[in-house]
PDB file of all heavy atoms in Angstrom:
ATOM      1  N   VAL A   1      11.915 -33.899  -8.131  1.00  0.00           N
ATOM      2  CA  VAL A   1      11.987 -32.740  -7.231  1.00  0.00           C
ATOM      3  C   VAL A   1      10.624 -32.044  -7.161  1.00  0.00           C
ATOM      4  O   VAL A   1      10.152 -31.687  -6.079  1.00  0.00           O
ATOM      5  CB  VAL A   1      13.107 -31.779  -7.690  1.00  0.00           C
ATOM      6  CG1 VAL A   1      13.006 -30.428  -7.012  1.00  0.00           C
ATOM      7  CG2 VAL A   1      14.471 -32.409  -7.430  1.00  0.00           C
ATOM      8  N   ILE A   2       9.992 -31.876  -8.305  1.00  0.00           N
ATOM      9  CA  ILE A   2       8.669 -31.228  -8.337  1.00  0.00           C
ATOM     10  C   ILE A   2       7.639 -32.082  -7.600  1.00  0.00           C
ATOM     11  O   ILE A   2       6.871 -31.565  -6.771  1.00  0.00           O
ATOM     12  CB  ILE A   2       8.233 -30.942  -9.788  1.00  0.00           C
ATOM     13  CG1 ILE A   2       9.124 -29.848 -10.395  1.00  0.00           C
ATOM     14  CG2 ILE A   2       6.764 -30.553  -9.856  1.00  0.00           C
ATOM     15  CD1 ILE A   2       8.973 -29.671 -11.897  1.00  0.00           C
ATOM     16  N   PHE A   3       7.611 -33.378  -7.878  1.00  0.00           N
ATOM     17  CA  PHE A   3       6.670 -34.273  -7.199  1.00  0.00           C
ATOM     18  C   PHE A   3       6.859 -34.207  -5.690  1.00  0.00           C
ATOM     19  O   PHE A   3       5.898 -34.068  -4.938  1.00  0.00           O
ATOM     20  CB  PHE A   3       6.877 -35.734  -7.661  1.00  0.00           C
ATOM     21  CG  PHE A   3       5.971 -36.155  -8.770  1.00  0.00           C
ATOM     22  CD1 PHE A   3       6.122 -35.653 -10.045  1.00  0.00           C
ATOM     23  CD2 PHE A   3       4.973 -37.076  -8.537  1.00  0.00           C
ATOM     24  CE1 PHE A   3       5.306 -36.052 -11.074  1.00  0.00           C
ATOM     25  CE2 PHE A   3       4.141 -37.489  -9.560  1.00  0.00           C
ATOM     26  CZ  PHE A   3       4.307 -36.973 -10.831  1.00  0.00           C
ATOM     27  N   ILE A   4       8.093 -34.349  -5.250  1.00  0.00           N
ATOM     28  CA  ILE A   4       8.379 -34.360  -3.816  1.00  0.00           C
ATOM     29  C   ILE A   4       7.950 -33.042  -3.175  1.00  0.00           C
ATOM     30  O   ILE A   4       7.305 -33.034  -2.128  1.00  0.00           O
ATOM     31  CB  ILE A   4       9.872 -34.655  -3.556  1.00  0.00           C
ATOM     32  CG1 ILE A   4      10.194 -36.096  -3.953  1.00  0.00           C
ATOM     33  CG2 ILE A   4      10.245 -34.393  -2.096  1.00  0.00           C
ATOM     34  CD1 ILE A   4      11.682 -36.407  -4.041  1.00  0.00           C
ATOM     35  N   GLY A   5       8.284 -31.924  -3.795  1.00  0.00           N
ATOM     36  CA  GLY A   5       7.921 -30.623  -3.246  1.00  0.00           C
ATOM     37  C   GLY A   5       6.416 -30.398  -3.200  1.00  0.00           C
ATOM     38  O   GLY A   5       5.873 -29.966  -2.183  1.00  0.00           O
ATOM     39  N   VAL A   6       5.728 -30.696  -4.296  1.00  0.00           N
ATOM     40  CA  VAL A   6       4.277 -30.463  -4.362  1.00  0.00           C
ATOM     41  C   VAL A   6       3.521 -31.398  -3.425  1.00  0.00           C
ATOM     42  O   VAL A   6       2.622 -30.964  -2.689  1.00  0.00           O
ATOM     43  CB  VAL A   6       3.768 -30.604  -5.818  1.00  0.00           C
ATOM     44  CG1 VAL A   6       2.252 -30.618  -5.888  1.00  0.00           C
ATOM     45  CG2 VAL A   6       4.325 -29.474  -6.679  1.00  0.00           C
ATOM     46  N   ILE A   7       3.883 -32.670  -3.433  1.00  0.00           N
ATOM     47  CA  ILE A   7       3.207 -33.635  -2.551  1.00  0.00           C
ATOM     48  C   ILE A   7       3.438 -33.257  -1.092  1.00  0.00           C
ATOM     49  O   ILE A   7       2.510 -33.288  -0.275  1.00  0.00           O
ATOM     50  CB  ILE A   7       3.684 -35.075  -2.832  1.00  0.00           C
ATOM     51  CG1 ILE A   7       3.281 -35.517  -4.239  1.00  0.00           C
ATOM     52  CG2 ILE A   7       3.182 -36.047  -1.773  1.00  0.00           C
ATOM     53  CD1 ILE A   7       1.795 -35.570  -4.501  1.00  0.00           C
ATOM     54  N   THR A   8       4.670 -32.886  -0.755  1.00  0.00           N
ATOM     55  CA  THR A   8       4.957 -32.493   0.628  1.00  0.00           C
ATOM     56  C   THR A   8       4.194 -31.233   0.998  1.00  0.00           C
ATOM     57  O   THR A   8       3.667 -31.126   2.110  1.00  0.00           O
ATOM     58  CB  THR A   8       6.467 -32.309   0.849  1.00  0.00           C
ATOM     59  OG1 THR A   8       7.136 -33.518   0.509  1.00  0.00           O
ATOM     60  CG2 THR A   8       6.768 -31.952   2.297  1.00  0.00           C
ATOM     61  N   PHE A   9       4.129 -30.269   0.082  1.00  0.00           N
ATOM     62  CA  PHE A   9       3.343 -29.057   0.348  1.00  0.00           C
ATOM     63  C   PHE A   9       1.894 -29.417   0.663  1.00  0.00           C
ATOM     64  O   PHE A   9       1.332 -28.968   1.669  1.00  0.00           O
ATOM     65  CB  PHE A   9       3.394 -28.095  -0.845  1.00  0.00           C
ATOM     66  CG  PHE A   9       2.397 -26.969  -0.728  1.00  0.00           C
ATOM     67  CD1 PHE A   9       2.668 -25.877   0.064  1.00  0.00           C
ATOM     68  CD2 PHE A   9       1.160 -27.035  -1.367  1.00  0.00           C
ATOM     69  CE1 PHE A   9       1.732 -24.840   0.219  1.00  0.00           C
ATOM     70  CE2 PHE A   9       0.232 -26.020  -1.237  1.00  0.00           C
ATOM     71  CZ  PHE A   9       0.515 -24.919  -0.442  1.00  0.00           C
ATOM     72  N   MET A  10       1.295 -30.242  -0.186  1.00  0.00           N
ATOM     73  CA  MET A  10      -0.126 -30.591   0.005  1.00  0.00           C
ATOM     74  C   MET A  10      -0.343 -31.369   1.300  1.00  0.00           C
ATOM     75  O   MET A  10      -1.265 -31.050   2.060  1.00  0.00           O
ATOM     76  CB  MET A  10      -0.633 -31.398  -1.196  1.00  0.00           C
ATOM     77  CG  MET A  10      -0.714 -30.583  -2.468  1.00  0.00           C
ATOM     78  SD  MET A  10      -1.498 -31.391  -3.892  1.00  0.00           S
ATOM     79  CE  MET A  10      -0.806 -33.005  -3.909  1.00  0.00           C
ATOM     80  N   LEU A  11       0.505 -32.352   1.558  1.00  0.00           N
ATOM     81  CA  LEU A  11       0.317 -33.164   2.761  1.00  0.00           C
ATOM     82  C   LEU A  11       0.636 -32.387   4.038  1.00  0.00           C
ATOM     83  O   LEU A  11      -0.013 -32.583   5.061  1.00  0.00           O
ATOM     84  CB  LEU A  11       1.137 -34.444   2.675  1.00  0.00           C
ATOM     85  CG  LEU A  11       0.631 -35.461   1.661  1.00  0.00           C
ATOM     86  CD1 LEU A  11       1.567 -36.660   1.574  1.00  0.00           C
ATOM     87  CD2 LEU A  11      -0.780 -35.920   2.000  1.00  0.00           C
ATOM     88  N   SER A  12       1.625 -31.502   3.978  1.00  0.00           N
ATOM     89  CA  SER A  12       1.952 -30.695   5.166  1.00  0.00           C
ATOM     90  C   SER A  12       0.856 -29.682   5.465  1.00  0.00           C
ATOM     91  O   SER A  12       0.509 -29.462   6.633  1.00  0.00           O
ATOM     92  CB  SER A  12       3.286 -29.980   4.972  1.00  0.00           C
ATOM     93  OG  SER A  12       4.329 -30.901   4.860  1.00  0.00           O
ATOM     94  N   THR A  13       0.315 -29.077   4.432  1.00  0.00           N
ATOM     95  CA  THR A  13      -0.787 -28.138   4.614  1.00  0.00           C
ATOM     96  C   THR A  13      -1.990 -28.872   5.207  1.00  0.00           C
ATOM     97  O   THR A  13      -2.595 -28.416   6.183  1.00  0.00           O
ATOM     98  CB  THR A  13      -1.164 -27.469   3.273  1.00  0.00           C
ATOM     99  OG1 THR A  13      -0.001 -26.786   2.769  1.00  0.00           O
ATOM    100  CG2 THR A  13      -2.293 -26.469   3.439  1.00  0.00           C
ATOM    101  N   ALA A  14      -2.306 -30.013   4.627  1.00  0.00           N
ATOM    102  CA  ALA A  14      -3.419 -30.823   5.147  1.00  0.00           C
ATOM    103  C   ALA A  14      -3.114 -31.310   6.554  1.00  0.00           C
ATOM    104  O   ALA A  14      -4.001 -31.344   7.416  1.00  0.00           O
ATOM    105  CB  ALA A  14      -3.685 -32.003   4.219  1.00  0.00           C
ATOM    106  N   GLY A  15      -1.843 -31.679   6.806  1.00  0.00           N
ATOM    107  CA  GLY A  15      -1.456 -32.174   8.125  1.00  0.00           C
ATOM    108  C   GLY A  15      -1.686 -31.164   9.230  1.00  0.00           C
ATOM    109  O   GLY A  15      -2.129 -31.509  10.327  1.00  0.00           O
ATOM    110  N   ALA A  16      -1.384 -29.897   8.961  1.00  0.00           N
ATOM    111  CA  ALA A  16      -1.602 -28.854   9.966  1.00  0.00           C
ATOM    112  C   ALA A  16      -3.093 -28.740  10.298  1.00  0.00           C
ATOM    113  O   ALA A  16      -3.474 -28.631  11.466  1.00  0.00           O
ATOM    114  CB  ALA A  16      -1.047 -27.523   9.483  1.00  0.00           C
ATOM    115  N   LYS A  17      -3.929 -28.764   9.256  1.00  0.00           N
ATOM    116  CA  LYS A  17      -5.384 -28.690   9.488  1.00  0.00           C
ATOM    117  C   LYS A  17      -5.887 -29.944  10.210  1.00  0.00           C
ATOM    118  O   LYS A  17      -6.685 -29.857  11.142  1.00  0.00           O
ATOM    119  CB  LYS A  17      -6.139 -28.516   8.160  1.00  0.00           C
ATOM    120  CG  LYS A  17      -6.020 -27.142   7.553  1.00  0.00           C
ATOM    121  CD  LYS A  17      -6.566 -26.054   8.435  1.00  0.00           C
ATOM    122  CE  LYS A  17      -8.054 -25.902   8.311  1.00  0.00           C
ATOM    123  NZ  LYS A  17      -8.580 -24.795   9.126  1.00  0.00           N
ATOM    124  N   ILE A  18      -5.407 -31.107   9.782  1.00  0.00           N
ATOM    125  CA  ILE A  18      -5.821 -32.370  10.411  1.00  0.00           C
ATOM    126  C   ILE A  18      -5.410 -32.383  11.875  1.00  0.00           C
ATOM    127  O   ILE A  18      -6.184 -32.780  12.743  1.00  0.00           O
ATOM    128  CB  ILE A  18      -5.230 -33.568   9.648  1.00  0.00           C
ATOM    129  CG1 ILE A  18      -5.922 -33.717   8.293  1.00  0.00           C
ATOM    130  CG2 ILE A  18      -5.342 -34.856  10.459  1.00  0.00           C
ATOM    131  CD1 ILE A  18      -5.234 -34.673   7.340  1.00  0.00           C
ATOM    132  N   GLY A  19      -4.173 -31.958  12.151  1.00  0.00           N
ATOM    133  CA  GLY A  19      -3.699 -31.915  13.535  1.00  0.00           C
ATOM    134  C   GLY A  19      -4.537 -30.989  14.382  1.00  0.00           C
ATOM    135  O   GLY A  19      -4.839 -31.284  15.539  1.00  0.00           O
ATOM    136  N   ASN A  20      -4.944 -29.867  13.805  1.00  0.00           N
ATOM    137  CA  ASN A  20      -5.760 -28.902  14.536  1.00  0.00           C
ATOM    138  C   ASN A  20      -7.144 -29.465  14.831  1.00  0.00           C
ATOM    139  O   ASN A  20      -7.715 -29.207  15.883  1.00  0.00           O
ATOM    140  CB  ASN A  20      -5.868 -27.603  13.734  1.00  0.00           C
ATOM    141  CG  ASN A  20      -6.477 -26.493  14.525  1.00  0.00           C
ATOM    142  OD1 ASN A  20      -7.592 -26.065  14.257  1.00  0.00           O
ATOM    143  ND2 ASN A  20      -5.744 -26.009  15.528  1.00  0.00           N
ATOM    144  N   ILE A  21      -7.653 -30.268  13.921  1.00  0.00           N
ATOM    145  CA  ILE A  21      -8.998 -30.820  14.083  1.00  0.00           C
ATOM    146  C   ILE A  21      -8.999 -32.123  14.881  1.00  0.00           C
ATOM    147  O   ILE A  21      -9.786 -32.301  15.807  1.00  0.00           O
ATOM    148  CB  ILE A  21      -9.663 -31.038  12.701  1.00  0.00           C
ATOM    149  CG1 ILE A  21      -9.849 -29.693  12.007  1.00  0.00           C
ATOM    150  CG2 ILE A  21     -10.995 -31.767  12.833  1.00  0.00           C
ATOM    151  CD1 ILE A  21     -10.228 -29.795  10.536  1.00  0.00           C
ATOM    152  N   PHE A  22      -8.119 -33.049  14.518  1.00  0.00           N
ATOM    153  CA  PHE A  22      -8.175 -34.400  15.090  1.00  0.00           C
ATOM    154  C   PHE A  22      -7.119 -34.709  16.126  1.00  0.00           C
ATOM    155  O   PHE A  22      -7.181 -35.752  16.771  1.00  0.00           O
ATOM    156  CB  PHE A  22      -8.069 -35.445  13.975  1.00  0.00           C
ATOM    157  CG  PHE A  22      -9.205 -35.393  13.012  1.00  0.00           C
ATOM    158  CD1 PHE A  22      -8.999 -34.943  11.720  1.00  0.00           C
ATOM    159  CD2 PHE A  22     -10.481 -35.780  13.380  1.00  0.00           C
ATOM    160  CE1 PHE A  22     -10.035 -34.893  10.814  1.00  0.00           C
ATOM    161  CE2 PHE A  22     -11.522 -35.736  12.491  1.00  0.00           C
ATOM    162  CZ  PHE A  22     -11.307 -35.290  11.194  1.00  0.00           C
ATOM    163  N   GLY A  23      -6.106 -33.872  16.255  1.00  0.00           N
ATOM    164  CA  GLY A  23      -5.058 -34.151  17.225  1.00  0.00           C
ATOM    165  C   GLY A  23      -3.968 -35.043  16.660  1.00  0.00           C
ATOM    166  O   GLY A  23      -3.852 -35.226  15.458  1.00  0.00           O
ATOM    167  N   ALA A  24      -3.181 -35.632  17.531  1.00  0.00           N
ATOM    168  CA  ALA A  24      -1.989 -36.392  17.140  1.00  0.00           C
ATOM    169  C   ALA A  24      -2.268 -37.871  16.895  1.00  0.00           C
ATOM    170  O   ALA A  24      -1.353 -38.676  16.886  1.00  0.00           O
ATOM    171  CB  ALA A  24      -0.922 -36.235  18.221  1.00  0.00           C
ATOM    172  N   LYS A  25      -3.496 -38.231  16.657  1.00  0.00           N
ATOM    173  CA  LYS A  25      -3.885 -39.635  16.513  1.00  0.00           C
ATOM    174  C   LYS A  25      -3.131 -40.349  15.397  1.00  0.00           C
ATOM    175  O   LYS A  25      -2.777 -41.516  15.522  1.00  0.00           O
ATOM    176  CB  LYS A  25      -5.394 -39.710  16.266  1.00  0.00           C
ATOM    177  CG  LYS A  25      -5.931 -41.107  16.169  1.00  0.00           C
ATOM    178  CD  LYS A  25      -7.439 -41.086  15.992  1.00  0.00           C
ATOM    179  CE  LYS A  25      -7.968 -42.499  15.884  1.00  0.00           C
ATOM    180  NZ  LYS A  25      -9.406 -42.522  15.691  1.00  0.00           N
ATOM    181  N   TYR A  26      -2.867 -39.680  14.272  1.00  0.00           N
ATOM    182  CA  TYR A  26      -2.291 -40.345  13.113  1.00  0.00           C
ATOM    183  C   TYR A  26      -0.806 -40.050  12.887  1.00  0.00           C
ATOM    184  O   TYR A  26      -0.235 -40.522  11.927  1.00  0.00           O
ATOM    185  CB  TYR A  26      -3.076 -39.967  11.853  1.00  0.00           C
ATOM    186  CG  TYR A  26      -4.523 -40.372  11.957  1.00  0.00           C
ATOM    187  CD1 TYR A  26      -5.518 -39.422  12.152  1.00  0.00           C
ATOM    188  CD2 TYR A  26      -4.892 -41.697  11.898  1.00  0.00           C
ATOM    189  CE1 TYR A  26      -6.836 -39.792  12.276  1.00  0.00           C
ATOM    190  CE2 TYR A  26      -6.214 -42.082  12.019  1.00  0.00           C
ATOM    191  CZ  TYR A  26      -7.183 -41.128  12.201  1.00  0.00           C
ATOM    192  OH  TYR A  26      -8.491 -41.495  12.334  1.00  0.00           O
ATOM    193  N   LYS A  27      -0.179 -39.284  13.773  1.00  0.00           N
ATOM    194  CA  LYS A  27       1.211 -38.884  13.583  1.00  0.00           C
ATOM    195  C   LYS A  27       2.141 -40.092  13.483  1.00  0.00           C
ATOM    196  O   LYS A  27       2.901 -40.230  12.535  1.00  0.00           O
ATOM    197  CB  LYS A  27       1.639 -37.976  14.739  1.00  0.00           C
ATOM    198  CG  LYS A  27       3.079 -37.532  14.674  1.00  0.00           C
ATOM    199  CD  LYS A  27       3.390 -36.633  15.865  1.00  0.00           C
ATOM    200  CE  LYS A  27       4.817 -36.198  15.847  1.00  0.00           C
ATOM    201  NZ  LYS A  27       5.712 -37.161  16.439  1.00  0.00           N
ATOM    202  N   GLY A  28       2.091 -40.994  14.439  1.00  0.00           N
ATOM    203  CA  GLY A  28       2.956 -42.171  14.443  1.00  0.00           C
ATOM    204  C   GLY A  28       2.687 -43.090  13.268  1.00  0.00           C
ATOM    205  O   GLY A  28       3.608 -43.640  12.666  1.00  0.00           O
ATOM    206  N   LYS A  29       1.432 -43.243  12.915  1.00  0.00           N
ATOM    207  CA  LYS A  29       1.065 -44.109  11.795  1.00  0.00           C
ATOM    208  C   LYS A  29       1.594 -43.551  10.477  1.00  0.00           C
ATOM    209  O   LYS A  29       2.017 -44.301   9.599  1.00  0.00           O
ATOM    210  CB  LYS A  29      -0.451 -44.279  11.730  1.00  0.00           C
ATOM    211  CG  LYS A  29      -0.988 -45.077  12.901  1.00  0.00           C
ATOM    212  CD  LYS A  29      -2.501 -45.135  12.898  1.00  0.00           C
ATOM    213  CE  LYS A  29      -2.952 -45.871  14.144  1.00  0.00           C
ATOM    214  NZ  LYS A  29      -4.339 -45.734  14.425  1.00  0.00           N
ATOM    215  N   ALA A  30       1.580 -42.234  10.330  1.00  0.00           N
ATOM    216  CA  ALA A  30       2.095 -41.608   9.109  1.00  0.00           C
ATOM    217  C   ALA A  30       3.598 -41.840   8.984  1.00  0.00           C
ATOM    218  O   ALA A  30       4.095 -42.170   7.907  1.00  0.00           O
ATOM    219  CB  ALA A  30       1.782 -40.113   9.104  1.00  0.00           C
ATOM    220  N   GLU A  31       4.332 -41.660  10.074  1.00  0.00           N
ATOM    221  CA  GLU A  31       5.773 -41.885  10.039  1.00  0.00           C
ATOM    222  C   GLU A  31       6.081 -43.348   9.747  1.00  0.00           C
ATOM    223  O   GLU A  31       6.988 -43.661   8.972  1.00  0.00           O
ATOM    224  CB  GLU A  31       6.424 -41.479  11.358  1.00  0.00           C
ATOM    225  CG  GLU A  31       6.625 -39.993  11.487  1.00  0.00           C
ATOM    226  CD  GLU A  31       7.415 -39.614  12.721  1.00  0.00           C
ATOM    227  OE1 GLU A  31       7.169 -40.180  13.796  1.00  0.00           O
ATOM    228  OE2 GLU A  31       8.269 -38.726  12.594  1.00  0.00           O
ATOM    229  N   PHE A  32       5.343 -44.261  10.345  1.00  0.00           N
ATOM    230  CA  PHE A  32       5.548 -45.686  10.102  1.00  0.00           C
ATOM    231  C   PHE A  32       5.311 -46.020   8.632  1.00  0.00           C
ATOM    232  O   PHE A  32       6.110 -46.708   7.993  1.00  0.00           O
ATOM    233  CB  PHE A  32       4.621 -46.529  10.995  1.00  0.00           C
ATOM    234  CG  PHE A  32       4.847 -47.998  10.852  1.00  0.00           C
ATOM    235  CD1 PHE A  32       5.795 -48.635  11.639  1.00  0.00           C
ATOM    236  CD2 PHE A  32       4.133 -48.748   9.929  1.00  0.00           C
ATOM    237  CE1 PHE A  32       6.029 -49.997  11.502  1.00  0.00           C
ATOM    238  CE2 PHE A  32       4.352 -50.104   9.781  1.00  0.00           C
ATOM    239  CZ  PHE A  32       5.306 -50.738  10.570  1.00  0.00           C
ATOM    240  N   ALA A  33       4.208 -45.522   8.083  1.00  0.00           N
ATOM    241  CA  ALA A  33       3.883 -45.788   6.673  1.00  0.00           C
ATOM    242  C   ALA A  33       4.958 -45.223   5.751  1.00  0.00           C
ATOM    243  O   ALA A  33       5.380 -45.887   4.791  1.00  0.00           O
ATOM    244  CB  ALA A  33       2.518 -45.195   6.328  1.00  0.00           C
ATOM    245  N   GLY A  34       5.418 -44.010   6.024  1.00  0.00           N
ATOM    246  CA  GLY A  34       6.468 -43.411   5.210  1.00  0.00           C
ATOM    247  C   GLY A  34       7.749 -44.218   5.247  1.00  0.00           C
ATOM    248  O   GLY A  34       8.388 -44.447   4.215  1.00  0.00           O
ATOM    249  N   GLY A  35       8.132 -44.690   6.423  1.00  0.00           N
ATOM    250  CA  GLY A  35       9.333 -45.521   6.555  1.00  0.00           C
ATOM    251  C   GLY A  35       9.206 -46.825   5.799  1.00  0.00           C
ATOM    252  O   GLY A  35      10.135 -47.257   5.100  1.00  0.00           O
ATOM    253  N   ALA A  36       8.051 -47.472   5.913  1.00  0.00           N
ATOM    254  CA  ALA A  36       7.829 -48.731   5.203  1.00  0.00           C
ATOM    255  C   ALA A  36       7.894 -48.531   3.689  1.00  0.00           C
ATOM    256  O   ALA A  36       8.471 -49.353   2.964  1.00  0.00           O
ATOM    257  CB  ALA A  36       6.475 -49.322   5.611  1.00  0.00           C
ATOM    258  N   ILE A  37       7.325 -47.440   3.213  1.00  0.00           N
ATOM    259  CA  ILE A  37       7.354 -47.147   1.770  1.00  0.00           C
ATOM    260  C   ILE A  37       8.799 -46.997   1.291  1.00  0.00           C
ATOM    261  O   ILE A  37       9.182 -47.547   0.258  1.00  0.00           O
ATOM    262  CB  ILE A  37       6.538 -45.875   1.455  1.00  0.00           C
ATOM    263  CG1 ILE A  37       5.041 -46.164   1.587  1.00  0.00           C
ATOM    264  CG2 ILE A  37       6.864 -45.341   0.063  1.00  0.00           C
ATOM    265  CD1 ILE A  37       4.165 -44.920   1.552  1.00  0.00           C
ATOM    266  N   LEU A  38       9.623 -46.274   2.040  1.00  0.00           N
ATOM    267  CA  LEU A  38      11.011 -46.064   1.618  1.00  0.00           C
ATOM    268  C   LEU A  38      11.800 -47.368   1.627  1.00  0.00           C
ATOM    269  O   LEU A  38      12.598 -47.633   0.713  1.00  0.00           O
ATOM    270  CB  LEU A  38      11.693 -45.020   2.503  1.00  0.00           C
ATOM    271  CG  LEU A  38      11.144 -43.600   2.379  1.00  0.00           C
ATOM    272  CD1 LEU A  38      11.895 -42.660   3.312  1.00  0.00           C
ATOM    273  CD2 LEU A  38      11.220 -43.103   0.954  1.00  0.00           C
ATOM    274  N   ILE A  39      11.590 -48.202   2.626  1.00  0.00           N
ATOM    275  CA  ILE A  39      12.281 -49.499   2.673  1.00  0.00           C
ATOM    276  C   ILE A  39      11.876 -50.360   1.480  1.00  0.00           C
ATOM    277  O   ILE A  39      12.719 -50.961   0.810  1.00  0.00           O
ATOM    278  CB  ILE A  39      11.998 -50.224   4.006  1.00  0.00           C
ATOM    279  CG1 ILE A  39      12.699 -49.487   5.153  1.00  0.00           C
ATOM    280  CG2 ILE A  39      12.472 -51.679   3.934  1.00  0.00           C
ATOM    281  CD1 ILE A  39      12.319 -49.982   6.533  1.00  0.00           C
ATOM    282  N   LEU A  40      10.585 -50.425   1.209  1.00  0.00           N
ATOM    283  CA  LEU A  40      10.107 -51.233   0.077  1.00  0.00           C
ATOM    284  C   LEU A  40      10.628 -50.706  -1.254  1.00  0.00           C
ATOM    285  O   LEU A  40      10.983 -51.485  -2.144  1.00  0.00           O
ATOM    286  CB  LEU A  40       8.578 -51.299   0.081  1.00  0.00           C
ATOM    287  CG  LEU A  40       7.963 -52.098   1.232  1.00  0.00           C
ATOM    288  CD1 LEU A  40       6.445 -51.943   1.240  1.00  0.00           C
ATOM    289  CD2 LEU A  40       8.366 -53.561   1.146  1.00  0.00           C
TER     290      LEU A  40
END
């Protein structure tokens, strides 16, 4: 629970900044990678 919460906090915070700077370029790739990780 702690790992999931802390990692999500860090990645979501970074994601907002990344989205503001770089746009939606990596949104689909992030979702794809997350899905593949869960399946594996």
